[in-house]
Amino acid sequence: MVRWLTVLCWAVAVPGLLWATVRLLGVERGPLVQLLAFTPYVACWSLVPVALSLGLRRWWPAAVAVAAAVVLIAVVAPRAIGGTAGGEGPRLRVLTANLLAGVGDAETLVRLVREREVDVLAVQEFTPEAAARLDAYGLAELMPHRRLNPIVGTEGSGLYSRFPLTDTGVRQNQGGFTQAYGTVSAPGATPTIVESVHPMSPHAMGKLRDWERDLDGQQRATPTGPVRILAGDFNATLDHAPLRRLIASGYRDAADAAGAGLTGTWGPYDGDRIPPVTIDHVLVDRRVGVRDVSVLHLPGSDHRPVYAELALPRGDLGG
C-alpha cells in the first residue's frame, strides 16, 4: 500500500512538471499546441499534486510538484493582476469581434459600438451579408471610414473607424484568412497603424504549420517607428510561443496589462462543450497606455468581443 501511494504521488506530479517544461521552453508540437491553450486550468490543478504529496509525506514527488506549480502559477497569475499600464494621451477605443462566418448579431455589435463610443472596430470572419446588416443598423453613420474585405465563409476581414483612415490595404495569410489594415488619425494623437488580425487556427494537425507561419508573419512592433495596434482573433493564447515571440518584438497584451488576461474569449459560447480560452487579443505598442479592457457578449458568435480603451502617444511623436 505504501508503495502504491508513492506511485500515485509521482503519477500526478510528473505530468505537471512536463507541462511546465513545455510551456517554459516554448517547445509545443502536435497536439500539445491545442492543449497548451488550457494552461491556466492546469496551473490551478497543479496545487492538487502538491497537497497530495505533502499530505502523504512523499517529499521527492512533493518537490517536483512544487516546482511545477511555481512555474505554472508564475506565468499565469500576472494576467489577473495587471499593472500601471495607463496613459494620459489621446483616447482610442478599440473593439475586435469574430463574427463566426458573418452570423454574429449585427444589431448587438452596432449597439456595443454606440454605447462604448468605439473609435475603431476590427472584425474577422466578415461576410458581405454581415457588412450589409451592420450598415443597416447604423454603422455607416457611426464609422464612415473603413477598409473592408467581405468574403463568404470565414476568410473575410474588416476595419471600421470613426476617424480618417489612410494607407489602407488587405493582407492575406498563408493559411487563407485575410487581414484589413489602415492608419488611423485620431485627434491629437500620432497616426497609428491598426490591423484586424486572423491567423490560421490550429484546429487540425495539418494546419499547425500554417498557424505558426501566420503568427510569425504578423507585423512586428516598431518601437522607434510607427505606432502599431494588432486586434483580432489570434487563435493563440499567451501560453503559445509564437504569440509570445510577436509580443516580445515590442507589444503588450492590453488585457494582460489591465488584469483581464484570464477572461475567456472563445469556447462554449455557441454550444460547444469546451472550457473558455483566451485567444482574442488587442496587442498595443508599448508606447500606448491601456486604460480599460472588457470582454463583452455577441450572440451568434463563438467568440466574445474584446474592448480596449487606449491612450495613444501625442501627435508630436516622430515616425
Protein backbone atom coordinates (compact mmCIF):
# COMPACT_ATOMS: atom_id res chain seq x y z
CA MET A 1 0.00 0.00 0.00
CA VAL A 2 2.83 2.38 0.89
CA ARG A 3 4.46 1.74 -2.48
CA TRP A 4 1.27 2.43 -4.39
CA LEU A 5 0.79 5.72 -2.59
CA THR A 6 4.29 6.73 -3.71
CA VAL A 7 3.49 5.73 -7.30
CA LEU A 8 0.28 7.75 -7.12
CA CYS A 9 2.16 10.86 -5.99
CA TRP A 10 4.65 10.53 -8.82
CA ALA A 11 1.85 9.87 -11.32
CA VAL A 12 0.15 13.17 -10.52
CA ALA A 13 3.36 15.21 -10.07
CA VAL A 14 5.25 14.32 -13.28
CA PRO A 15 2.60 15.50 -15.81
CA GLY A 16 2.61 18.94 -14.22
CA LEU A 17 6.39 19.11 -14.46
CA LEU A 18 6.30 18.09 -18.13
CA TRP A 19 3.59 20.67 -18.86
CA ALA A 20 5.57 23.40 -17.09
CA THR A 21 8.71 22.45 -19.04
CA VAL A 22 6.95 22.61 -22.41
CA ARG A 23 5.38 25.97 -21.51
CA LEU A 24 8.60 27.45 -20.16
CA LEU A 25 10.73 26.35 -23.12
CA GLY A 26 8.08 27.06 -25.77
CA VAL A 27 8.52 23.68 -27.45
CA GLU A 28 4.87 22.76 -28.02
CA ARG A 29 4.38 20.47 -31.00
CA GLY A 30 1.50 18.47 -32.43
CA PRO A 31 -1.47 18.03 -30.05
CA LEU A 32 0.42 19.98 -27.39
CA VAL A 33 -0.36 23.19 -29.31
CA GLN A 34 -4.06 22.76 -28.67
CA LEU A 35 -3.59 21.52 -25.12
CA LEU A 36 -1.36 24.42 -24.13
CA ALA A 37 -4.31 26.80 -24.51
CA PHE A 38 -5.64 25.31 -21.26
CA THR A 39 -2.53 26.14 -19.21
CA PRO A 40 -4.47 28.42 -16.78
CA TYR A 41 -6.63 25.44 -15.81
CA VAL A 42 -3.55 23.25 -15.35
CA ALA A 43 -1.98 25.97 -13.19
CA CYS A 44 -4.95 25.72 -10.83
CA TRP A 45 -4.81 21.91 -10.88
CA SER A 46 -1.06 21.96 -10.14
CA LEU A 47 -1.83 22.62 -6.48
CA VAL A 48 -3.51 19.20 -6.18
CA PRO A 49 -0.27 17.14 -6.55
CA VAL A 50 1.40 19.48 -4.07
CA ALA A 51 -1.29 18.94 -1.46
CA LEU A 52 -1.45 15.19 -2.09
CA SER A 53 2.30 14.61 -1.90
CA LEU A 54 2.75 16.77 1.17
CA GLY A 55 -0.23 15.16 2.86
CA LEU A 56 1.22 11.69 2.27
CA ARG A 57 4.74 12.84 3.21
CA ARG A 58 6.22 11.89 -0.14
CA TRP A 59 8.91 14.53 -0.22
CA TRP A 60 10.51 13.96 -3.63
CA PRO A 61 7.21 13.95 -5.53
CA ALA A 62 6.24 16.97 -3.44
CA ALA A 63 9.38 18.82 -4.54
CA VAL A 64 8.64 18.08 -8.20
CA ALA A 65 5.00 19.15 -7.78
CA VAL A 66 6.00 22.39 -6.05
CA ALA A 67 8.47 23.23 -8.85
CA ALA A 68 5.79 22.67 -11.50
CA ALA A 69 3.20 24.69 -9.60
CA VAL A 70 5.57 27.61 -9.08
CA VAL A 71 6.37 27.79 -12.80
CA LEU A 72 2.77 27.49 -13.97
CA ILE A 73 1.33 29.93 -11.47
CA ALA A 74 4.17 32.39 -12.15
CA VAL A 75 3.37 32.53 -15.87
CA VAL A 76 -0.42 32.65 -15.44
CA ALA A 77 -1.18 34.70 -12.32
CA PRO A 78 0.14 38.09 -13.56
CA ARG A 79 -2.63 38.16 -16.19
CA ALA A 80 -5.17 38.63 -13.41
CA ILE A 81 -3.15 41.32 -11.66
CA GLY A 82 -2.20 43.85 -14.33
CA GLY A 83 -0.03 46.85 -13.65
CA THR A 84 0.42 50.55 -14.22
CA ALA A 85 -0.30 50.50 -17.93
CA GLY A 86 -2.44 53.64 -18.16
CA GLY A 87 -1.57 56.80 -20.02
CA GLU A 88 -2.62 60.40 -20.37
CA GLY A 89 -2.53 60.69 -24.16
CA PRO A 90 -5.49 60.99 -26.56
CA ARG A 91 -8.02 58.19 -26.16
CA LEU A 92 -8.63 55.49 -28.75
CA ARG A 93 -11.39 52.96 -28.06
CA VAL A 94 -10.87 49.71 -29.96
CA LEU A 95 -13.27 46.78 -30.32
CA THR A 96 -12.50 43.48 -32.04
CA ALA A 97 -15.07 40.80 -32.86
CA ASN A 98 -15.04 37.49 -34.72
CA LEU A 99 -18.43 37.18 -36.42
CA LEU A 100 -18.42 33.37 -36.94
CA ALA A 101 -18.80 33.37 -40.73
CA GLY A 102 -20.90 36.52 -40.53
CA VAL A 103 -23.68 35.22 -38.26
CA GLY A 104 -22.70 37.23 -35.17
CA ASP A 105 -25.57 39.53 -34.24
CA ALA A 106 -25.09 42.80 -36.14
CA GLU A 107 -27.60 44.74 -34.06
CA THR A 108 -25.76 43.88 -30.84
CA LEU A 109 -22.38 44.75 -32.34
CA VAL A 110 -23.56 48.17 -33.51
CA ARG A 111 -25.13 48.77 -30.11
CA LEU A 112 -21.79 47.99 -28.46
CA VAL A 113 -20.04 50.40 -30.80
CA ARG A 114 -22.56 53.10 -29.93
CA GLU A 115 -22.64 52.51 -26.17
CA ARG A 116 -18.87 52.18 -25.80
CA GLU A 117 -18.20 55.08 -28.19
CA VAL A 118 -15.84 52.83 -30.13
CA ASP A 119 -13.40 54.60 -32.44
CA VAL A 120 -12.01 51.57 -34.30
CA LEU A 121 -13.76 48.26 -34.96
CA ALA A 122 -11.85 45.21 -36.25
CA VAL A 123 -13.93 42.27 -37.48
CA GLN A 124 -12.98 38.78 -38.60
CA GLU A 125 -14.93 36.07 -40.45
CA PHE A 126 -16.59 39.03 -42.15
CA THR A 127 -19.08 38.40 -44.97
CA PRO A 128 -20.97 40.60 -47.46
CA GLU A 129 -24.20 39.86 -45.59
CA ALA A 130 -22.63 40.96 -42.30
CA ALA A 131 -21.40 44.18 -43.90
CA ALA A 132 -24.90 44.99 -45.15
CA ARG A 133 -26.52 44.23 -41.79
CA LEU A 134 -24.02 46.35 -39.87
CA ASP A 135 -24.70 49.36 -42.07
CA ALA A 136 -28.45 48.74 -41.89
CA TYR A 137 -28.22 49.07 -38.09
CA GLY A 138 -26.34 52.36 -38.34
CA LEU A 139 -22.62 51.56 -38.50
CA ALA A 140 -22.22 53.62 -41.66
CA GLU A 141 -23.12 56.77 -39.73
CA LEU A 142 -21.05 55.87 -36.68
CA MET A 143 -17.97 54.75 -38.61
CA PRO A 144 -17.82 56.20 -42.11
CA HIS A 145 -14.16 55.35 -42.67
CA ARG A 146 -13.42 51.73 -43.48
CA ARG A 147 -11.31 49.15 -45.29
CA LEU A 148 -13.42 46.09 -45.92
CA ASN A 149 -12.75 42.70 -47.46
CA PRO A 150 -16.00 40.75 -47.00
CA ILE A 151 -15.86 37.14 -48.20
CA VAL A 152 -18.49 34.41 -47.98
CA GLY A 153 -17.31 31.96 -45.34
CA THR A 154 -14.59 32.65 -42.78
CA GLU A 155 -11.78 34.39 -44.64
CA GLY A 156 -13.12 37.97 -44.70
CA SER A 157 -11.84 40.87 -42.66
CA GLY A 158 -12.84 44.46 -41.99
CA LEU A 159 -11.59 47.60 -40.31
CA TYR A 160 -14.00 50.43 -39.43
CA SER A 161 -13.06 53.80 -37.98
CA ARG A 162 -14.71 56.90 -36.62
CA PHE A 163 -11.60 58.82 -37.69
CA PRO A 164 -9.94 59.10 -41.12
CA LEU A 165 -8.13 56.02 -42.42
CA THR A 166 -5.16 56.22 -44.78
CA ASP A 167 -2.66 53.77 -46.28
CA THR A 168 -5.25 51.02 -46.12
CA GLY A 169 -4.89 47.53 -47.50
CA VAL A 170 -5.61 43.84 -47.04
CA ARG A 171 -3.04 41.21 -46.20
CA GLN A 172 -3.60 37.51 -46.86
CA ASN A 173 -2.07 34.93 -44.56
CA GLN A 174 -0.65 31.67 -45.84
CA GLY A 175 -3.45 29.89 -44.03
CA GLY A 176 -6.03 31.75 -46.13
CA PHE A 177 -7.55 34.30 -43.75
CA THR A 178 -7.27 37.97 -44.70
CA GLN A 179 -6.41 40.99 -42.56
CA ALA A 180 -7.59 44.54 -43.26
CA TYR A 181 -5.36 47.34 -42.03
CA GLY A 182 -5.01 51.10 -42.15
CA THR A 183 -3.53 54.13 -40.43
CA VAL A 184 -5.92 55.83 -38.01
CA SER A 185 -5.59 59.59 -37.45
CA ALA A 186 -7.21 60.31 -34.09
CA PRO A 187 -7.34 63.96 -32.98
CA GLY A 188 -4.20 64.98 -31.10
CA ALA A 189 -2.57 61.56 -31.48
CA THR A 190 0.26 60.27 -33.60
CA PRO A 191 -1.04 58.34 -36.64
CA THR A 192 -1.45 54.71 -35.60
CA ILE A 193 -1.46 51.59 -37.77
CA VAL A 194 -4.28 49.21 -36.81
CA GLU A 195 -4.73 45.74 -38.26
CA SER A 196 -7.56 43.22 -37.93
CA VAL A 197 -5.65 40.02 -37.18
CA HIS A 198 -6.72 36.47 -38.01
CA PRO A 199 -4.06 33.76 -38.40
CA MET A 200 -4.96 30.16 -39.12
CA SER A 201 -6.49 28.11 -36.32
CA PRO A 202 -4.53 25.07 -35.04
CA HIS A 203 -7.73 23.01 -35.08
CA ALA A 204 -6.12 20.13 -37.01
CA MET A 205 -2.61 18.70 -37.13
CA GLY A 206 -2.37 19.57 -40.83
CA LYS A 207 -2.92 23.25 -40.03
CA LEU A 208 -0.20 23.67 -37.40
CA ARG A 209 2.46 24.79 -39.85
CA ASP A 210 0.18 27.45 -41.32
CA TRP A 211 -0.79 28.52 -37.78
CA GLU A 212 2.81 29.09 -36.77
CA ARG A 213 3.74 30.75 -40.07
CA ASP A 214 0.76 33.09 -39.87
CA LEU A 215 1.66 34.16 -36.34
CA ASP A 216 5.34 34.57 -37.19
CA GLY A 217 4.27 36.59 -40.25
CA GLN A 218 2.36 39.22 -38.25
CA GLN A 219 3.68 42.75 -38.34
CA ARG A 220 6.34 43.17 -35.69
CA ALA A 221 6.26 46.20 -33.42
CA THR A 222 8.37 49.15 -34.48
CA PRO A 223 9.45 50.66 -31.14
CA THR A 224 11.22 53.64 -32.74
CA GLY A 225 8.90 53.96 -35.74
CA PRO A 226 5.15 53.94 -36.42
CA VAL A 227 2.84 53.04 -33.54
CA ARG A 228 1.02 49.76 -34.21
CA ILE A 229 -2.04 48.01 -32.80
CA LEU A 230 -2.97 44.43 -33.71
CA ALA A 231 -6.53 43.50 -32.78
CA GLY A 232 -8.37 40.31 -33.55
CA ASP A 233 -8.69 36.56 -33.28
CA PHE A 234 -5.10 35.37 -32.90
CA ASN A 235 -6.06 31.70 -32.43
CA ALA A 236 -3.39 31.61 -29.73
CA THR A 237 -3.16 32.29 -26.02
CA LEU A 238 -0.36 33.94 -24.09
CA ASP A 239 0.98 30.44 -23.43
CA HIS A 240 1.79 29.81 -27.10
CA ALA A 241 5.38 30.51 -28.10
CA PRO A 242 4.65 32.16 -31.50
CA LEU A 243 2.38 34.75 -29.86
CA ARG A 244 4.94 35.40 -27.15
CA ARG A 245 7.59 35.96 -29.82
CA LEU A 246 5.33 38.50 -31.51
CA ILE A 247 4.69 40.35 -28.25
CA ALA A 248 8.41 40.36 -27.46
CA SER A 249 9.03 42.49 -30.57
CA GLY A 250 7.63 45.49 -28.68
CA TYR A 251 3.94 44.88 -27.94
CA ARG A 252 1.98 44.18 -24.81
CA ASP A 253 -1.34 42.44 -24.49
CA ALA A 254 -3.93 45.02 -23.40
CA ALA A 255 -5.98 42.55 -21.33
CA ASP A 256 -2.87 41.26 -19.61
CA ALA A 257 -1.80 44.83 -18.83
CA ALA A 258 -5.24 45.63 -17.41
CA GLY A 259 -5.56 42.49 -15.28
CA ALA A 260 -8.21 40.92 -17.54
CA GLY A 261 -5.93 38.42 -19.24
CA LEU A 262 -7.64 35.31 -17.89
CA THR A 263 -11.12 36.12 -19.17
CA GLY A 264 -12.11 33.60 -21.84
CA THR A 265 -12.94 34.84 -25.33
CA TRP A 266 -13.64 31.58 -27.18
CA GLY A 267 -15.18 28.27 -26.21
CA PRO A 268 -18.72 27.37 -25.18
CA TYR A 269 -20.49 30.47 -26.48
CA ASP A 270 -22.10 28.71 -29.47
CA GLY A 271 -22.87 25.49 -27.61
CA ASP A 272 -19.56 23.61 -27.79
CA ARG A 273 -18.67 21.82 -24.56
CA ILE A 274 -15.23 23.27 -24.07
CA PRO A 275 -13.74 25.43 -21.30
CA PRO A 276 -13.25 29.07 -22.35
CA VAL A 277 -9.79 30.07 -23.51
CA THR A 278 -8.34 33.50 -24.31
CA ILE A 279 -7.42 33.70 -28.00
CA ASP A 280 -8.79 37.15 -28.94
CA HIS A 281 -6.38 39.97 -28.14
CA VAL A 282 -5.58 43.63 -28.57
CA LEU A 283 -1.81 43.96 -28.82
CA VAL A 284 -0.53 47.51 -28.45
CA ASP A 285 2.79 49.21 -28.98
CA ARG A 286 4.47 49.63 -25.59
CA ARG A 287 4.23 53.39 -26.01
CA VAL A 288 0.42 53.03 -25.87
CA GLY A 289 -1.29 53.22 -22.49
CA VAL A 290 -4.06 50.80 -21.53
CA ARG A 291 -6.90 52.44 -19.59
CA ASP A 292 -9.50 49.68 -19.59
CA VAL A 293 -10.29 46.28 -21.12
CA SER A 294 -13.62 44.45 -21.16
CA VAL A 295 -14.72 41.15 -22.68
CA LEU A 296 -18.27 41.52 -23.99
CA HIS A 297 -21.01 39.27 -25.41
CA LEU A 298 -22.03 38.82 -29.05
CA PRO A 299 -24.99 36.49 -29.69
CA GLY A 300 -24.50 34.13 -32.62
CA SER A 301 -20.71 34.02 -32.39
CA ASP A 302 -18.42 31.51 -30.70
CA HIS A 303 -16.14 34.40 -29.73
CA ARG A 304 -16.59 37.24 -27.28
CA PRO A 305 -15.62 40.74 -28.44
CA VAL A 306 -12.70 42.46 -26.70
CA TYR A 307 -12.95 46.18 -25.95
CA ALA A 308 -9.87 48.21 -25.05
CA GLU A 309 -9.66 51.87 -24.13
CA LEU A 310 -6.17 53.06 -25.00
CA ALA A 311 -4.10 56.20 -24.56
CA LEU A 312 -2.08 56.98 -27.69
CA PRO A 313 1.16 58.95 -27.84
CA ARG A 314 0.57 62.57 -28.70
CA GLY A 315 0.86 63.82 -32.24
CA ASP A 316 4.36 65.24 -31.86
CA LEU A 317 5.82 61.70 -31.81
CA GLY A 318 8.04 61.04 -34.77
CA GLY A 319 7.66 58.11 -37.13
